[in-house]
Protein backbone atom coordinates (compact mmCIF):
# COMPACT_ATOMS: atom_id res chain seq x y z
CA MET A 1 18.76 9.48 6.38
CA LYS A 2 19.16 5.81 7.29
CA VAL A 3 15.93 4.08 6.21
CA LEU A 4 14.98 0.46 6.86
CA ILE A 5 12.27 -0.93 4.54
CA THR A 6 10.27 -4.08 5.25
CA GLY A 7 8.49 -5.75 2.36
CA GLY A 8 11.28 -4.48 0.12
CA SER A 9 10.49 -6.88 -2.71
CA GLY A 10 6.77 -6.16 -2.64
CA LEU A 11 4.61 -4.17 -5.04
CA LEU A 12 5.29 -0.82 -3.35
CA GLY A 13 8.52 -1.85 -1.65
CA GLN A 14 10.53 -2.15 -4.87
CA TYR A 15 9.52 1.37 -5.92
CA LEU A 16 10.46 2.64 -2.45
CA ASN A 17 13.88 1.03 -2.89
CA ILE A 18 14.37 2.98 -6.11
CA PHE A 19 13.02 6.35 -4.96
CA LEU A 20 14.40 6.44 -1.42
CA SER A 21 17.89 5.18 -2.32
CA LYS A 22 18.46 8.35 -4.38
CA GLU A 23 18.75 10.56 -1.30
CA ASN A 24 19.02 8.11 1.62
CA ASP A 25 21.02 5.19 2.94
CA ILE A 26 18.55 2.30 2.70
CA PHE A 27 18.52 -1.26 4.00
CA THR A 28 15.71 -3.35 2.54
CA ILE A 29 14.28 -6.63 3.88
CA PHE A 30 12.67 -9.28 1.66
CA ASN A 31 11.27 -12.73 2.37
CA LYS A 32 10.64 -15.22 -0.46
CA HIS A 33 11.41 -13.15 -3.57
CA ILE A 34 14.44 -10.91 -3.86
CA GLY A 35 13.04 -8.54 -6.52
CA ASN A 36 15.33 -5.53 -6.90
CA CYS A 37 16.58 -5.78 -3.29
CA GLN A 38 19.79 -7.34 -4.62
CA GLU A 39 20.74 -3.89 -5.92
CA TYR A 40 20.81 -2.44 -2.39
CA LYS A 41 21.94 -3.32 1.11
CA SER A 42 19.45 -6.04 1.98
CA ALA A 43 18.69 -9.20 3.93
CA GLN A 44 16.36 -12.15 3.46
CA LEU A 45 14.29 -12.35 6.63
CA ASP A 46 10.86 -13.52 7.76
CA ILE A 47 9.57 -10.62 9.85
CA ARG A 48 8.18 -13.14 12.36
CA ASP A 49 11.84 -13.78 13.30
CA TYR A 50 12.16 -11.31 16.18
CA GLU A 51 15.83 -12.01 16.88
CA GLY A 52 16.66 -11.64 13.20
CA LEU A 53 14.85 -8.30 13.13
CA ARG A 54 16.65 -7.17 16.26
CA LYS A 55 20.04 -7.94 14.70
CA VAL A 56 19.15 -5.81 11.67
CA PHE A 57 17.99 -2.93 13.88
CA LYS A 58 21.17 -3.13 15.96
CA SER A 59 23.58 -3.33 13.01
CA PHE A 60 21.92 -0.81 10.68
CA ASN A 61 20.75 1.69 13.33
CA ALA A 62 17.93 3.11 11.20
CA GLU A 63 16.48 6.57 11.83
CA LEU A 64 13.27 5.62 10.04
CA VAL A 65 11.51 2.30 9.46
CA LEU A 66 9.05 1.98 6.59
CA HIS A 67 6.92 -1.06 7.41
CA THR A 68 5.16 -2.26 4.26
CA ALA A 69 5.45 -6.04 4.70
CA ALA A 70 2.11 -7.81 5.07
CA ILE A 71 -0.12 -10.58 3.81
CA SER A 72 -2.32 -8.33 1.70
CA ASP A 73 -4.65 -10.72 -0.13
CA THR A 74 -8.31 -9.83 0.34
CA ILE A 75 -9.18 -13.50 -0.01
CA ILE A 76 -6.59 -15.60 1.82
CA ASN A 77 -5.47 -18.63 -0.19
CA SER A 78 -5.44 -22.16 1.20
CA THR A 79 -1.68 -22.18 1.81
CA VAL A 80 -1.95 -19.39 4.39
CA SER A 81 -3.71 -19.79 7.75
CA ALA A 82 -5.53 -17.10 9.72
CA LYS A 83 -2.75 -17.47 12.31
CA ASP A 84 -0.14 -16.66 9.65
CA VAL A 85 -2.05 -13.51 8.73
CA TYR A 86 -2.32 -12.48 12.39
CA ASP A 87 1.33 -13.26 13.15
CA ILE A 88 2.64 -11.29 10.17
CA ASN A 89 0.19 -8.38 10.08
CA VAL A 90 -0.27 -7.86 13.83
CA LYS A 91 2.37 -9.56 15.99
CA SER A 92 5.25 -8.64 13.69
CA THR A 93 4.00 -5.06 13.44
CA GLU A 94 3.96 -4.96 17.25
CA SER A 95 7.53 -6.30 17.32
CA ILE A 96 8.73 -3.71 14.82
CA ALA A 97 7.06 -0.89 16.77
CA ASN A 98 8.78 -2.07 19.96
CA LEU A 99 12.14 -2.20 18.18
CA CYS A 100 11.57 1.29 16.76
CA LYS A 101 10.92 2.53 20.28
CA GLU A 102 13.99 0.74 21.65
CA PHE A 103 16.31 1.98 18.90
CA ASN A 104 14.77 5.47 18.66
CA ALA A 105 13.53 5.19 15.07
CA LYS A 106 10.41 6.75 13.57
CA MET A 107 7.95 4.28 12.08
CA ILE A 108 5.84 4.76 8.96
CA TYR A 109 3.24 2.03 8.61
CA THR A 110 1.28 1.40 5.43
CA SER A 111 -2.27 0.49 6.43
CA THR A 112 -5.25 0.42 4.05
CA ASP A 113 -8.37 2.34 3.09
CA LEU A 114 -10.24 -0.95 3.62
CA VAL A 115 -10.29 -0.35 7.39
CA TYR A 116 -13.20 2.07 6.83
CA ALA A 117 -16.88 1.17 6.75
CA GLY A 118 -17.58 0.88 3.05
CA TYR A 119 -21.19 2.00 3.27
CA ARG A 120 -20.88 5.36 5.06
CA GLY A 121 -20.51 7.66 2.08
CA SER A 122 -17.80 9.31 0.02
CA TYR A 123 -14.50 11.10 0.73
CA LEU A 124 -14.07 9.62 4.19
CA LYS A 125 -11.99 11.54 6.73
CA GLU A 126 -9.55 9.93 9.15
CA ASP A 127 -12.14 9.97 11.94
CA ALA A 128 -14.76 8.09 9.88
CA LYS A 129 -16.25 4.85 11.17
CA LEU A 130 -13.92 1.86 11.02
CA ILE A 131 -15.48 -1.50 10.07
CA PRO A 132 -12.96 -3.73 8.25
CA VAL A 133 -14.78 -6.62 6.55
CA SER A 134 -11.83 -8.79 5.50
CA LEU A 135 -9.19 -10.55 7.60
CA TYR A 136 -6.55 -8.49 5.83
CA ALA A 137 -8.19 -5.16 6.70
CA GLU A 138 -9.01 -6.28 10.24
CA THR A 139 -5.40 -7.25 10.95
CA LYS A 140 -4.06 -4.04 9.40
CA LEU A 141 -6.28 -2.05 11.76
CA MET A 142 -5.08 -4.17 14.67
CA GLY A 143 -1.54 -3.30 13.59
CA GLU A 144 -2.44 0.40 13.73
CA LEU A 145 -3.71 0.00 17.29
CA LYS A 146 -0.61 -1.89 18.43
CA ILE A 147 1.64 0.90 17.14
CA GLN A 148 -0.41 3.59 18.86
CA GLN A 149 -0.26 1.70 22.16
CA ILE A 150 3.52 1.38 22.07
CA PHE A 151 4.85 4.87 21.25
CA ASP A 152 4.07 8.14 19.51
CA ASN A 153 6.86 8.41 16.93
CA TYR A 154 4.79 7.02 14.07
CA ILE A 155 2.89 7.91 10.92
CA ILE A 156 0.09 5.59 9.81
CA LEU A 157 -0.81 5.84 6.11
CA ARG A 158 -4.25 4.51 5.21
CA THR A 159 -3.26 3.70 1.67
CA ALA A 160 -5.76 3.76 -1.20
CA LEU A 161 -5.91 1.38 -4.15
CA LEU A 162 -2.42 1.20 -5.69
CA PHE A 163 -2.16 0.84 -9.45
CA GLY A 164 0.62 0.54 -11.98
CA PHE A 165 3.07 -2.11 -13.07
CA GLY A 166 4.82 -4.35 -10.59
CA LEU A 167 8.55 -4.91 -10.88
CA ASN A 168 10.09 -8.36 -11.30
CA HIS A 169 7.71 -10.93 -9.75
CA SER A 170 5.20 -8.45 -8.25
CA THR A 171 1.96 -7.58 -10.01
CA CYS A 172 -1.47 -6.00 -9.43
CA HIS A 173 -4.94 -6.10 -10.97
CA PHE A 174 -4.37 -2.94 -13.05
CA GLN A 175 -1.46 -4.69 -14.76
CA PHE A 176 -3.59 -7.76 -15.50
CA LEU A 177 -6.30 -5.56 -17.03
CA PHE A 178 -3.74 -3.71 -19.15
CA GLU A 179 -2.29 -6.97 -20.47
CA GLN A 180 -5.71 -8.40 -21.31
CA LEU A 181 -6.84 -5.23 -23.07
CA SER A 182 -3.55 -5.15 -25.00
CA LYS A 183 -4.55 -8.54 -26.43
CA ASN A 184 -8.14 -7.43 -27.14
CA ILE A 185 -9.46 -9.78 -24.45
CA PRO A 186 -12.63 -8.65 -22.59
CA VAL A 187 -12.25 -7.84 -18.88
CA LYS A 188 -14.79 -7.71 -16.05
CA VAL A 189 -14.66 -4.57 -13.90
CA PHE A 190 -16.71 -3.44 -10.90
CA ILE A 191 -18.98 -0.46 -11.45
CA ASP A 192 -20.04 -0.14 -7.80
CA GLN A 193 -16.82 0.02 -5.81
CA PHE A 194 -15.33 3.48 -5.35
CA ARG A 195 -11.76 4.24 -4.29
CA SER A 196 -9.18 7.05 -4.50
CA PRO A 197 -6.49 5.29 -6.57
CA ILE A 198 -2.87 6.37 -6.49
CA SER A 199 -0.10 5.04 -8.71
CA LEU A 200 2.84 3.11 -7.30
CA LEU A 201 5.15 5.76 -8.74
CA GLU A 202 3.26 8.61 -7.09
CA ALA A 203 2.98 6.77 -3.77
CA ALA A 204 6.74 6.20 -3.66
CA ARG A 205 7.43 9.82 -4.63
CA LEU A 206 5.13 11.22 -1.94
CA ILE A 207 6.57 8.92 0.73
CA GLY A 208 9.99 10.25 -0.30
CA GLU A 209 8.69 13.74 0.48
CA LEU A 210 6.96 12.62 3.67
CA ILE A 211 10.07 11.23 5.31
CA LYS A 212 11.71 14.67 5.14
CA LYS A 213 8.96 16.25 7.23
CA ASP A 214 8.88 16.61 11.00
CA ILE A 215 5.56 14.81 11.54
CA LYS A 216 4.66 12.21 14.12
CA LYS A 217 1.65 10.66 15.87
CA GLU A 218 -0.52 11.08 12.78
CA VAL A 219 -2.98 8.89 10.90
CA ILE A 220 -3.18 10.12 7.30
CA ASN A 221 -5.39 9.13 4.38
CA PHE A 222 -2.95 8.44 1.55
CA GLY A 223 -4.46 8.38 -1.92
CA GLY A 224 -5.18 10.19 -5.14
CA PRO A 225 -7.37 13.26 -5.63
CA GLU A 226 -10.39 11.61 -7.29
CA ARG A 227 -13.24 9.36 -6.17
CA ILE A 228 -13.68 6.90 -8.99
CA SER A 229 -15.07 3.42 -9.58
CA ARG A 230 -12.81 0.63 -10.71
CA TYR A 231 -14.71 0.65 -14.02
CA GLU A 232 -14.09 4.37 -14.51
CA LEU A 233 -10.40 3.89 -13.75
CA VAL A 234 -10.11 1.34 -16.57
CA GLU A 235 -12.17 3.63 -18.84
CA ARG A 236 -9.55 6.33 -18.25
CA LEU A 237 -6.84 3.85 -19.17
CA CYS A 238 -8.69 3.03 -22.40
CA ASP A 239 -9.12 6.71 -23.27
CA ILE A 240 -5.43 7.46 -22.71
CA LYS A 241 -3.98 4.30 -24.27
CA GLY A 242 -6.57 3.92 -27.03
CA PHE A 243 -7.91 0.55 -25.94
CA ASN A 244 -11.35 -0.59 -27.10
CA LYS A 245 -13.85 0.28 -24.33
CA ASN A 246 -16.27 -2.29 -25.74
CA LEU A 247 -13.99 -4.88 -24.12
CA LEU A 248 -15.05 -3.65 -20.65
CA VAL A 249 -17.70 -5.85 -19.05
CA LYS A 250 -19.62 -4.20 -16.20
CA ILE A 251 -20.08 -6.29 -13.08
CA LYS A 252 -21.29 -5.58 -9.53
CA LEU A 253 -19.91 -6.61 -6.15
CA ASP A 254 -22.89 -8.93 -5.67
CA ASP A 255 -21.74 -10.88 -8.73
CA LEU A 256 -18.76 -12.16 -6.70
CA PRO A 257 -20.24 -12.99 -3.28
CA GLN A 258 -16.98 -14.59 -2.10
CA LEU A 259 -15.35 -11.15 -2.07
CA PRO A 260 -15.77 -8.96 1.04
CA LYS A 261 -18.21 -6.24 0.00
CA VAL A 262 -16.69 -2.75 0.17
CA GLU A 263 -18.72 -0.21 -1.77
CA ASP A 264 -17.07 3.16 -1.13
CA VAL A 265 -13.85 3.89 0.72
CA SER A 266 -12.94 6.98 -1.29
CA LEU A 267 -10.71 9.21 0.81
CA ASN A 268 -10.71 12.81 1.89
CA ILE A 269 -7.00 13.69 1.54
CA ASP A 270 -7.13 17.23 2.98
CA LYS A 271 -4.86 16.24 5.88
CA MET A 272 -2.32 14.72 3.50
CA LYS A 273 -2.33 17.89 1.40
CA SER A 274 -2.01 20.05 4.53
CA PHE A 275 1.43 18.50 5.03
CA GLY A 276 2.47 19.59 1.53
CA LEU A 277 1.85 16.23 -0.12
CA GLU A 278 0.05 17.11 -3.35
CA PRO A 279 -0.71 14.14 -5.59
CA LYS A 280 -0.81 14.49 -9.35
CA SER A 281 -4.14 14.21 -11.14
CA LEU A 282 -5.35 10.72 -11.95
CA ASN A 283 -4.82 11.23 -15.68
CA GLU A 284 -1.26 12.44 -15.08
CA MET A 285 -0.54 9.39 -12.92
CA ILE A 286 -1.89 6.98 -15.58
CA LYS A 287 0.17 8.70 -18.30
CA GLU A 288 3.30 8.50 -16.13
CA VAL A 289 2.73 4.79 -15.48
CA LEU A 290 2.35 4.17 -19.23
CA ARG A 291 5.51 6.14 -20.05
CA LYS A 292 7.49 3.91 -17.68
CA THR A 293 6.37 0.66 -19.35
């Protein structure tokens, strides 16, 4: 299959490059950092450049577009404006959906579990109440709505907390915690935020399975099988790796009032599993991540 990947040098994008290139003809788009995109057919392109996108669509003629590019920071830094976030996360998503429709390509869009109301309970289903509390989550939900208005050849993945080790320049909080614990440095971890974490490796593997399936017009919760706090996730890491759990410092969401408060967006993944996408257990995913380091 001919697969076009946006955000190809991102945290998930670089793993998608590796996994999907094994069985597919991929073309991967990056913006500021090349990452591992240099190992594949690729182009440096700001996804706000509509004409540039159109040229890629016309020349590569993708059957499937995996749209992962986004400004994904929960707290937007001072170098990025709200307009930048809207233009990249919403307007560019709309442009890509329109190009998919024009060039007859399926679209898989990585959204986020943070679109859900974080106070409504555990194991949320796809029809649960949606109340995004950060600009990032709000614009990802707006992207979902734009896609659904344009055509029906899409899959929207409401992606859970991703963990693992970033490649090249990319990184995530799990990696920071691992590095600190490796040096016997205490780390602060939330005890009152619950997610359904999935490793980068497992996410890329399952997306590789998903693209083979004849599915469209679906919104799917995409995460791991367990509801767990961030603190418990790091406890599991300590148990498996042998780190000192006395280094873990318990904190609550209220201790960092500048962060948007999201208490529980753990996911019910029954729909995902109904399509034959069975994630590994959390312990298996952590062990796999550690083996790859």
